[in-house]
Amino acid sequence: MPHALPAPDGAYPLAMPDGTPITGTVLLKPLITHPNFEVGDYSYASDFDPPEDWAGRLAPYLFPFSKERLRIGRFCQIAHGVRFITASANHLMEGVSTYPFPVFDGTATEDYQPDRRDTVIGHDVWLGHGAMVLPGARIGNGAIIGAGALVRGEVPDYAVVAGNPGQVVKMRFPPDQIARLLDLAWWHWPEARIIAARAALEHGDVTALEAFAP
């Protein structure tokens, strides 16, 4: 059987032998209609209890009226239980109390939102089971976020993060190879070129991957 990528405009990339779609794993882009949630082609999420509203499951504090955005790149892999706690979840912290009085007494204006930072996930990022990404986090391309990790701040490209609080435990490649991979940006290549380069992508051979560069 020839190598192929799932159709980027199809919601369900996997099926049972009889053709029945496996609804617990979805390509997100065709299903996300939330105005503040951007996701790239081929990025998928899995859930043992698949929701009707994938945006609401993954980012429960991201509202249509929120002032921040959640941006997820191409070819990302999002495991069951991953949550993006976006900026709308944050409260004012300058006062004696953090209680959101204006929200409950009706005096909050349309512009009321203490935190407006975007959350940005790069390309080809793997987020493991139960990982939690906090407001304003920026996760670099090719990063791996371990199961149950709590992520905040900046995560370098091709870093492996684990723990609570999340810490970089190692880098996937040496600095010179990371620079070469970022220059290649294979996730933006045409589908046919990515398919042709699959062996190099699967075996971590940066030199071999460079041979397929446009």
Foldseek 3Di string as FASTA:
>chain_A
DADAAADQLFFARDADPVRHGDQQKTNCPNQDPQPQEEEETAEMEGEPPHDSRPCCQAEVQDHSLALEHEYYYEQEYHYYQEHEDEQQVAFDDPDPDRDPVCVVVVNDDSPDGPDHAYEYHEYNEYEEANEYEYYNEHEADLEYEYHNEYDYHYHYHQFYWYDVPTDGPDGPDDPVLSVLCVVQVVSPDDRVLCSVCVVCVVVVPSVSNVVSRD
